[in-house]
C-alpha atoms as a PDB file:
ATOM      1  CA  UNK A   1     -86.770  49.625  35.794  1.00  0.00           C
ATOM      2  CA  UNK A   2     -86.846  48.238  39.330  1.00  0.00           C
ATOM      3  CA  UNK A   3     -84.759  49.195  42.281  1.00  0.00           C
ATOM      4  CA  UNK A   4     -81.164  48.020  42.083  1.00  0.00           C
ATOM      5  CA  UNK A   5     -81.182  47.708  38.250  1.00  0.00           C
ATOM      6  CA  UNK A   6     -78.516  49.627  36.371  1.00  0.00           C
ATOM      7  CA  UNK A   7     -78.941  50.516  32.665  1.00  0.00           C
ATOM      8  CA  UNK A   8     -76.306  51.993  30.421  1.00  0.00           C
ATOM      9  CA  UNK A   9     -77.650  54.856  28.304  1.00  0.00           C
ATOM     10  CA  UNK A  10     -78.008  53.966  24.576  1.00  0.00           C
ATOM     11  CA  UNK A  11     -77.853  50.193  25.174  1.00  0.00           C
ATOM     12  CA  UNK A  12     -81.210  48.417  24.502  1.00  0.00           C
ATOM     13  CA  UNK A  13     -82.684  46.145  27.102  1.00  0.00           C
ATOM     14  CA  UNK A  14     -81.805  42.485  26.294  1.00  0.00           C
ATOM     15  CA  UNK A  15     -85.263  41.132  27.212  1.00  0.00           C
ATOM     16  CA  UNK A  16     -86.960  43.657  24.879  1.00  0.00           C
ATOM     17  CA  UNK A  17     -84.692  42.618  21.969  1.00  0.00           C
ATOM     18  CA  UNK A  18     -85.473  38.960  22.550  1.00  0.00           C
ATOM     19  CA  UNK A  19     -89.228  39.643  22.615  1.00  0.00           C
ATOM     20  CA  UNK A  20     -88.966  41.640  19.382  1.00  0.00           C
ATOM     21  CA  UNK A  21     -87.028  38.910  17.623  1.00  0.00           C
ATOM     22  CA  UNK A  22     -89.549  36.299  18.703  1.00  0.00           C
ATOM     23  CA  UNK A  23     -92.477  38.312  17.311  1.00  0.00           C
ATOM     24  CA  UNK A  24     -90.715  38.712  13.971  1.00  0.00           C
ATOM     25  CA  UNK A  25     -89.998  34.987  13.800  1.00  0.00           C
ATOM     26  CA  UNK A  26     -93.619  34.123  14.574  1.00  0.00           C
ATOM     27  CA  UNK A  27     -94.825  36.546  11.915  1.00  0.00           C
ATOM     28  CA  UNK A  28     -92.523  35.037   9.287  1.00  0.00           C
ATOM     29  CA  UNK A  29     -93.590  31.497  10.218  1.00  0.00           C
ATOM     30  CA  UNK A  30     -97.271  32.413  10.065  1.00  0.00           C
ATOM     31  CA  UNK A  31     -96.836  34.007   6.648  1.00  0.00           C
ATOM     32  CA  UNK A  32     -95.075  30.918   5.365  1.00  0.00           C
ATOM     33  CA  UNK A  33     -97.868  28.615   6.616  1.00  0.00           C
ATOM     34  CA  UNK A  34    -100.562  30.799   5.046  1.00  0.00           C
ATOM     35  CA  UNK A  35     -98.762  30.742   1.690  1.00  0.00           C
ATOM     36  CA  UNK A  36     -98.477  26.944   1.814  1.00  0.00           C
ATOM     37  CA  UNK A  37    -102.168  26.586   2.699  1.00  0.00           C
ATOM     38  CA  UNK A  38    -103.278  28.843  -0.149  1.00  0.00           C
ATOM     39  CA  UNK A  39    -101.174  26.897  -2.634  1.00  0.00           C
ATOM     40  CA  UNK A  40    -102.574  23.564  -1.423  1.00  0.00           C
ATOM     41  CA  UNK A  41    -106.173  24.762  -1.658  1.00  0.00           C
ATOM     42  CA  UNK A  42    -105.594  26.024  -5.184  1.00  0.00           C
ATOM     43  CA  UNK A  43    -104.067  22.720  -6.235  1.00  0.00           C
ATOM     44  CA  UNK A  44    -106.877  20.646  -4.745  1.00  0.00           C
ATOM     45  CA  UNK A  45    -109.462  22.963  -6.215  1.00  0.00           C
ATOM     46  CA  UNK A  46    -108.064  22.323  -9.672  1.00  0.00           C
ATOM     47  CA  UNK A  47    -108.113  18.588  -9.052  1.00  0.00           C
ATOM     48  CA  UNK A  48    -111.625  18.363  -7.625  1.00  0.00           C
ATOM     49  CA  UNK A  49    -113.189  21.003  -9.825  1.00  0.00           C
ATOM     50  CA  UNK A  50    -112.594  18.967 -12.978  1.00  0.00           C
ATOM     51  CA  UNK A  51    -114.268  15.700 -13.807  1.00  0.00           C
ATOM     52  CA  UNK A  52    -117.543  14.587 -15.266  1.00  0.00           C
ATOM     53  CA  UNK A  53    -119.888  17.579 -15.575  1.00  0.00           C
ATOM     54  CA  UNK A  54    -118.297  19.044 -12.408  1.00  0.00           C
ATOM     55  CA  UNK A  55    -120.038  16.258 -10.525  1.00  0.00           C
ATOM     56  CA  UNK A  56    -117.599  13.365 -10.671  1.00  0.00           C
ATOM     57  CA  UNK A  57    -113.932  12.550 -10.868  1.00  0.00           C
ATOM     58  CA  UNK A  58    -112.007   9.328 -11.293  1.00  0.00           C
ATOM     59  CA  UNK A  59    -109.198   8.265  -8.976  1.00  0.00           C
ATOM     60  CA  UNK A  60    -107.316   5.097  -9.917  1.00  0.00           C
ATOM     61  CA  UNK A  61    -110.367   3.865 -11.794  1.00  0.00           C
ATOM     62  CA  UNK A  62    -112.728   4.471  -8.883  1.00  0.00           C
ATOM     63  CA  UNK A  63    -115.674   6.806  -9.187  1.00  0.00           C
ATOM     64  CA  UNK A  64    -116.019   9.739  -6.803  1.00  0.00           C
ATOM     65  CA  UNK A  65    -119.253  11.732  -7.086  1.00  0.00           C
ATOM     66  CA  UNK A  66    -119.798  14.979  -5.204  1.00  0.00           C
ATOM     67  CA  UNK A  67    -123.517  14.416  -5.792  1.00  0.00           C
ATOM     68  CA  UNK A  68    -124.335  10.782  -6.671  1.00  0.00           C
ATOM     69  CA  UNK A  69    -127.565  11.895  -8.329  1.00  0.00           C
ATOM     70  CA  UNK A  70    -125.978  14.615 -10.504  1.00  0.00           C
ATOM     71  CA  UNK A  71    -125.836  12.825 -13.848  1.00  0.00           C
ATOM     72  CA  UNK A  72    -126.262  14.535 -17.207  1.00  0.00           C
ATOM     73  CA  UNK A  73    -128.873  12.258 -18.746  1.00  0.00           C
ATOM     74  CA  UNK A  74    -129.362  11.917 -22.481  1.00  0.00           C
ATOM     75  CA  UNK A  75    -132.284   9.683 -23.477  1.00  0.00           C
ATOM     76  CA  UNK A  76    -133.184   8.344 -26.911  1.00  0.00           C
ATOM     77  CA  UNK A  77    -136.162   6.864 -28.750  1.00  0.00           C
ATOM     78  CA  UNK A  78    -139.073   8.454 -26.951  1.00  0.00           C
ATOM     79  CA  UNK A  79    -137.709   8.678 -23.426  1.00  0.00           C
ATOM     80  CA  UNK A  80    -137.797  11.759 -21.232  1.00  0.00           C
ATOM     81  CA  UNK A  81    -136.358  12.978 -17.940  1.00  0.00           C
ATOM     82  CA  UNK A  82    -138.932  14.462 -15.558  1.00  0.00           C
ATOM     83  CA  UNK A  83    -138.153  17.436 -13.269  1.00  0.00           C
ATOM     84  CA  UNK A  84    -137.710  15.105 -10.277  1.00  0.00           C
ATOM     85  CA  UNK A  85    -135.073  13.090 -12.168  1.00  0.00           C
ATOM     86  CA  UNK A  86    -137.321  10.133 -13.017  1.00  0.00           C
ATOM     87  CA  UNK A  87    -136.588   8.678 -16.453  1.00  0.00           C
ATOM     88  CA  UNK A  88    -139.680   7.557 -18.325  1.00  0.00           C
ATOM     89  CA  UNK A  89    -140.070   5.418 -21.441  1.00  0.00           C
ATOM     90  CA  UNK A  90    -143.801   5.351 -22.255  1.00  0.00           C
ATOM     91  CA  UNK A  91    -145.338   2.470 -24.228  1.00  0.00           C
ATOM     92  CA  UNK A  92    -146.027   4.615 -27.302  1.00  0.00           C
ATOM     93  CA  UNK A  93    -142.550   4.057 -28.751  1.00  0.00           C
ATOM     94  CA  UNK A  94    -140.986   0.770 -29.772  1.00  0.00           C
ATOM     95  CA  UNK A  95    -137.543  -0.643 -30.347  1.00  0.00           C
ATOM     96  CA  UNK A  96    -134.499  -0.407 -28.131  1.00  0.00           C
ATOM     97  CA  UNK A  97    -134.713   2.692 -25.904  1.00  0.00           C
ATOM     98  CA  UNK A  98    -131.697   3.941 -24.001  1.00  0.00           C
ATOM     99  CA  UNK A  99    -130.513   6.642 -21.641  1.00  0.00           C
ATOM    100  CA  UNK A 100    -126.965   7.458 -20.548  1.00  0.00           C
ATOM    101  CA  UNK A 101    -125.647   9.445 -17.598  1.00  0.00           C
ATOM    102  CA  UNK A 102    -122.519  10.997 -19.116  1.00  0.00           C
ATOM    103  CA  UNK A 103    -119.732   9.206 -17.222  1.00  0.00           C
ATOM    104  CA  UNK A 104    -116.571   7.367 -18.221  1.00  0.00           C
ATOM    105  CA  UNK A 105    -115.459   5.043 -15.426  1.00  0.00           C
ATOM    106  CA  UNK A 106    -114.333   1.494 -14.847  1.00  0.00           C
ATOM    107  CA  UNK A 107    -115.520   0.543 -11.357  1.00  0.00           C
ATOM    108  CA  UNK A 108    -118.860   1.693 -10.022  1.00  0.00           C
ATOM    109  CA  UNK A 109    -122.024   0.791  -8.164  1.00  0.00           C
ATOM    110  CA  UNK A 110    -125.403   1.656  -9.684  1.00  0.00           C
ATOM    111  CA  UNK A 111    -128.580   1.709  -7.601  1.00  0.00           C
ATOM    112  CA  UNK A 112    -132.025   2.486  -8.996  1.00  0.00           C
ATOM    113  CA  UNK A 113    -135.674   1.545  -8.833  1.00  0.00           C
ATOM    114  CA  UNK A 114    -137.293   0.344 -12.032  1.00  0.00           C
ATOM    115  CA  UNK A 115    -140.983  -0.153 -12.516  1.00  0.00           C
ATOM    116  CA  UNK A 116    -142.913  -1.441 -15.496  1.00  0.00           C
ATOM    117  CA  UNK A 117    -146.470  -2.548 -16.076  1.00  0.00           C
ATOM    118  CA  UNK A 118    -145.872  -4.313 -19.372  1.00  0.00           C
ATOM    119  CA  UNK A 119    -143.048  -5.429 -21.623  1.00  0.00           C
ATOM    120  CA  UNK A 120    -140.114  -7.779 -21.732  1.00  0.00           C
ATOM    121  CA  UNK A 121    -137.763  -6.073 -19.306  1.00  0.00           C
ATOM    122  CA  UNK A 122    -135.253  -3.346 -18.524  1.00  0.00           C
ATOM    123  CA  UNK A 123    -131.513  -3.121 -18.020  1.00  0.00           C
ATOM    124  CA  UNK A 124    -128.623  -1.163 -16.539  1.00  0.00           C
ATOM    125  CA  UNK A 125    -125.635  -0.193 -18.691  1.00  0.00           C
ATOM    126  CA  UNK A 126    -122.141  -0.736 -17.294  1.00  0.00           C
ATOM    127  CA  UNK A 127    -118.821   0.289 -18.883  1.00  0.00           C
ATOM    128  CA  UNK A 128    -120.722   1.327 -21.990  1.00  0.00           C
ATOM    129  CA  UNK A 129    -118.364   2.861 -24.535  1.00  0.00           C
ATOM    130  CA  UNK A 130    -121.032   4.817 -26.416  1.00  0.00           C
ATOM    131  CA  UNK A 131    -120.680   7.586 -28.990  1.00  0.00           C
ATOM    132  CA  UNK A 132    -123.298  10.033 -27.682  1.00  0.00           C
ATOM    133  CA  UNK A 133    -126.005   8.907 -30.096  1.00  0.00           C
ATOM    134  CA  UNK A 134    -126.742   5.624 -28.315  1.00  0.00           C
ATOM    135  CA  UNK A 135    -124.424   3.469 -30.428  1.00  0.00           C
ATOM    136  CA  UNK A 136    -122.542   1.217 -27.989  1.00  0.00           C
ATOM    137  CA  UNK A 137    -119.119   0.098 -29.139  1.00  0.00           C
ATOM    138  CA  UNK A 138    -118.674  -2.175 -26.116  1.00  0.00           C
ATOM    139  CA  UNK A 139    -120.165  -2.654 -22.666  1.00  0.00           C
ATOM    140  CA  UNK A 140    -122.404  -4.743 -20.441  1.00  0.00           C
ATOM    141  CA  UNK A 141    -126.063  -4.703 -19.465  1.00  0.00           C
ATOM    142  CA  UNK A 142    -127.555  -6.298 -16.395  1.00  0.00           C
ATOM    143  CA  UNK A 143    -131.184  -7.020 -17.238  1.00  0.00           C
ATOM    144  CA  UNK A 144    -134.360  -7.716 -15.320  1.00  0.00           C
ATOM    145  CA  UNK A 145    -135.761  -9.860 -18.089  1.00  0.00           C
ATOM    146  CA  UNK A 146    -139.198 -11.484 -17.787  1.00  0.00           C
ATOM    147  CA  UNK A 147    -139.026 -12.146 -21.535  1.00  0.00           C
ATOM    148  CA  UNK A 148    -136.248 -14.661 -20.831  1.00  0.00           C
ATOM    149  CA  UNK A 149    -137.632 -15.579 -17.425  1.00  0.00           C
ATOM    150  CA  UNK A 150    -134.739 -14.441 -15.276  1.00  0.00           C
ATOM    151  CA  UNK A 151    -131.885 -12.056 -14.508  1.00  0.00           C
ATOM    152  CA  UNK A 152    -129.340 -11.731 -17.282  1.00  0.00           C
ATOM    153  CA  UNK A 153    -125.992 -10.155 -18.139  1.00  0.00           C
ATOM    154  CA  UNK A 154    -125.224  -9.497 -21.790  1.00  0.00           C
ATOM    155  CA  UNK A 155    -122.059  -8.170 -23.377  1.00  0.00           C
ATOM    156  CA  UNK A 156    -122.075  -5.682 -26.273  1.00  0.00           C
ATOM    157  CA  UNK A 157    -119.799  -5.104 -29.247  1.00  0.00           C
ATOM    158  CA  UNK A 158    -120.481  -2.744 -32.161  1.00  0.00           C
ATOM    159  CA  UNK A 159    -124.029  -2.181 -30.883  1.00  0.00           C
ATOM    160  CA  UNK A 160    -124.819  -5.916 -30.983  1.00  0.00           C
ATOM    161  CA  UNK A 161    -125.703  -7.797 -27.811  1.00  0.00           C
ATOM    162  CA  UNK A 162    -124.342 -11.243 -27.105  1.00  0.00           C
ATOM    163  CA  UNK A 163    -126.276 -14.206 -25.842  1.00  0.00           C
ATOM    164  CA  UNK A 164    -126.427 -14.074 -22.036  1.00  0.00           C
ATOM    165  CA  UNK A 165    -122.979 -14.515 -20.508  1.00  0.00           C
ATOM    166  CA  UNK A 166    -124.686 -15.211 -17.166  1.00  0.00           C
ATOM    167  CA  UNK A 167    -128.285 -15.902 -16.172  1.00  0.00           C
ATOM    168  CA  UNK A 168    -130.306 -16.799 -13.099  1.00  0.00           C
ATOM    169  CA  UNK A 169    -133.735 -18.246 -13.852  1.00  0.00           C
ATOM    170  CA  UNK A 170    -136.720 -16.764 -12.016  1.00  0.00           C
ATOM    171  CA  UNK A 171    -139.781 -18.103 -13.794  1.00  0.00           C
ATOM    172  CA  UNK A 172    -142.245 -17.364 -10.982  1.00  0.00           C
ATOM    173  CA  UNK A 173    -140.900 -13.912 -10.116  1.00  0.00           C
ATOM    174  CA  UNK A 174    -143.376 -11.077  -9.527  1.00  0.00           C
ATOM    175  CA  UNK A 175    -142.057  -8.820 -12.299  1.00  0.00           C
ATOM    176  CA  UNK A 176    -144.959  -6.389 -12.500  1.00  0.00           C
ATOM    177  CA  UNK A 177    -146.068  -6.332  -8.876  1.00  0.00           C
ATOM    178  CA  UNK A 178    -144.401  -3.089  -7.859  1.00  0.00           C
ATOM    179  CA  UNK A 179    -141.042  -1.288  -7.776  1.00  0.00           C
ATOM    180  CA  UNK A 180    -137.955  -3.366  -8.595  1.00  0.00           C
ATOM    181  CA  UNK A 181    -134.915  -2.117  -6.667  1.00  0.00           C
ATOM    182  CA  UNK A 182    -131.691  -2.959  -8.511  1.00  0.00           C
ATOM    183  CA  UNK A 183    -128.145  -2.729  -7.127  1.00  0.00           C
ATOM    184  CA  UNK A 184    -125.290  -3.613  -9.505  1.00  0.00           C
ATOM    185  CA  UNK A 185    -121.573  -3.474  -8.732  1.00  0.00           C
ATOM    186  CA  UNK A 186    -118.830  -3.882 -11.327  1.00  0.00           C
ATOM    187  CA  UNK A 187    -115.334  -3.788  -9.880  1.00  0.00           C
ATOM    188  CA  UNK A 188    -112.176  -5.049 -11.498  1.00  0.00           C
ATOM    189  CA  UNK A 189    -112.999  -8.350 -13.156  1.00  0.00           C
ATOM    190  CA  UNK A 190    -116.201  -9.111 -11.228  1.00  0.00           C
ATOM    191  CA  UNK A 191    -119.875  -8.165 -11.439  1.00  0.00           C
ATOM    192  CA  UNK A 192    -122.516  -8.668  -8.758  1.00  0.00           C
ATOM    193  CA  UNK A 193    -126.215  -7.839  -8.997  1.00  0.00           C
ATOM    194  CA  UNK A 194    -128.941  -7.709  -6.364  1.00  0.00           C
ATOM    195  CA  UNK A 195    -132.675  -7.231  -6.869  1.00  0.00           C
ATOM    196  CA  UNK A 196    -135.048  -6.202  -4.093  1.00  0.00           C
ATOM    197  CA  UNK A 197    -132.279  -6.683  -1.566  1.00  0.00           C
ATOM    198  CA  UNK A 198    -131.275 -10.211  -2.595  1.00  0.00           C
ATOM    199  CA  UNK A 199    -128.174 -11.156  -4.576  1.00  0.00           C
ATOM    200  CA  UNK A 200    -129.335 -12.793  -7.789  1.00  0.00           C
ATOM    201  CA  UNK A 201    -126.241 -13.070  -9.964  1.00  0.00           C
ATOM    202  CA  UNK A 202    -122.439 -12.964  -9.754  1.00  0.00           C
ATOM    203  CA  UNK A 203    -119.792 -13.169 -12.459  1.00  0.00           C
ATOM    204  CA  UNK A 204    -116.443 -13.817 -10.742  1.00  0.00           C
ATOM    205  CA  UNK A 205    -114.375 -13.506 -13.939  1.00  0.00           C
ATOM    206  CA  UNK A 206    -115.722 -11.168 -16.633  1.00  0.00           C
ATOM    207  CA  UNK A 207    -112.774 -11.799 -18.909  1.00  0.00           C
ATOM    208  CA  UNK A 208    -113.332 -15.563 -18.876  1.00  0.00           C
ATOM    209  CA  UNK A 209    -117.076 -15.043 -19.500  1.00  0.00           C
ATOM    210  CA  UNK A 210    -116.496 -12.842 -22.565  1.00  0.00           C
ATOM    211  CA  UNK A 211    -117.853 -14.406 -25.787  1.00  0.00           C
ATOM    212  CA  UNK A 212    -115.435 -15.211 -28.623  1.00  0.00           C
ATOM    213  CA  UNK A 213    -114.753 -12.156 -30.755  1.00  0.00           C
ATOM    214  CA  UNK A 214    -116.035  -9.698 -28.129  1.00  0.00           C
ATOM    215  CA  UNK A 215    -113.339  -7.435 -26.611  1.00  0.00           C
ATOM    216  CA  UNK A 216    -113.564  -7.129 -22.827  1.00  0.00           C
ATOM    217  CA  UNK A 217    -115.064  -3.708 -21.899  1.00  0.00           C
ATOM    218  CA  UNK A 218    -112.640  -1.673 -19.798  1.00  0.00           C
ATOM    219  CA  UNK A 219    -114.534   1.521 -18.920  1.00  0.00           C
ATOM    220  CA  UNK A 220    -117.423   3.641 -20.081  1.00  0.00           C
ATOM    221  CA  UNK A 221    -120.806   5.123 -19.296  1.00  0.00           C
ATOM    222  CA  UNK A 222    -123.689   3.928 -17.159  1.00  0.00           C
ATOM    223  CA  UNK A 223    -127.341   4.207 -18.026  1.00  0.00           C
ATOM    224  CA  UNK A 224    -130.665   2.438 -18.464  1.00  0.00           C
ATOM    225  CA  UNK A 225    -132.276   0.401 -21.202  1.00  0.00           C
ATOM    226  CA  UNK A 226    -135.679  -0.982 -22.127  1.00  0.00           C
ATOM    227  CA  UNK A 227    -136.994  -2.519 -25.320  1.00  0.00           C
ATOM    228  CA  UNK A 228    -140.003  -3.369 -27.435  1.00  0.00           C
ATOM    229  CA  UNK A 229    -143.276  -2.005 -25.973  1.00  0.00           C
ATOM    230  CA  UNK A 230    -142.231  -1.874 -22.321  1.00  0.00           C
ATOM    231  CA  UNK A 231    -143.876   0.811 -20.178  1.00  0.00           C
ATOM    232  CA  UNK A 232    -140.908   1.568 -17.918  1.00  0.00           C
ATOM    233  CA  UNK A 233    -139.717   4.230 -15.488  1.00  0.00           C
ATOM    234  CA  UNK A 234    -136.502   4.584 -13.493  1.00  0.00           C
ATOM    235  CA  UNK A 235    -136.229   6.617 -10.308  1.00  0.00           C
ATOM    236  CA  UNK A 236    -133.619   7.255  -7.610  1.00  0.00           C
ATOM    237  CA  UNK A 237    -130.695   6.512  -9.917  1.00  0.00           C
ATOM    238  CA  UNK A 238    -127.556   6.721  -7.806  1.00  0.00           C
ATOM    239  CA  UNK A 239    -123.976   6.051  -8.874  1.00  0.00           C
ATOM    240  CA  UNK A 240    -121.178   5.693  -6.331  1.00  0.00           C
ATOM    241  CA  UNK A 241    -117.782   4.051  -5.940  1.00  0.00           C
ATOM    242  CA  UNK A 242    -118.021   0.301  -5.335  1.00  0.00           C
END
């Protein structure tokens, strides 16, 4: 207490009371904010923690991958997944060989590098509604297809492929001369494909391009495909939102 100040015994100092009240208010406010933050983190954790193999979630039909390479591959008919993630289909097996990444999405972008030294081609599955054994109820494939002499999109229904619903001829293309980088985007009602950095094919209206009797695929898995005696490998498979 300074000179000239007069205090009445038993009466608390007003400035001390105000400081005490302020500290209590700050403490209550801080506690409230902490509780809100903890609740928000728990909610978001539940939302993000779910999804496809804890690696992907879907938001309004768009794919969100925590790790765009973290796919749970299942391959059929002689294929195998190497420790570095490369998917290999050696020439020893024949028929239609397939691998799927374990997703269920509508809109996505698939990037990969395919390489083959022999055979009629390879493809990328899009919106493939498949049953886990390789049977495809509906879907699309974009195909690098030297057997047909070009780049092709086919539609699938009950494990049967349609005639090409879109094709770009490339008779003189260097199919076997090295890695073939493929970038395919399916978003809404459109599909666009690029090969080795150049756009090769676009379908502006998938619904209009659908063959008679084939239902329009809405969502499904992504994956890879090769056929006959192709010696094919796929590396750097990456799946992201379009």
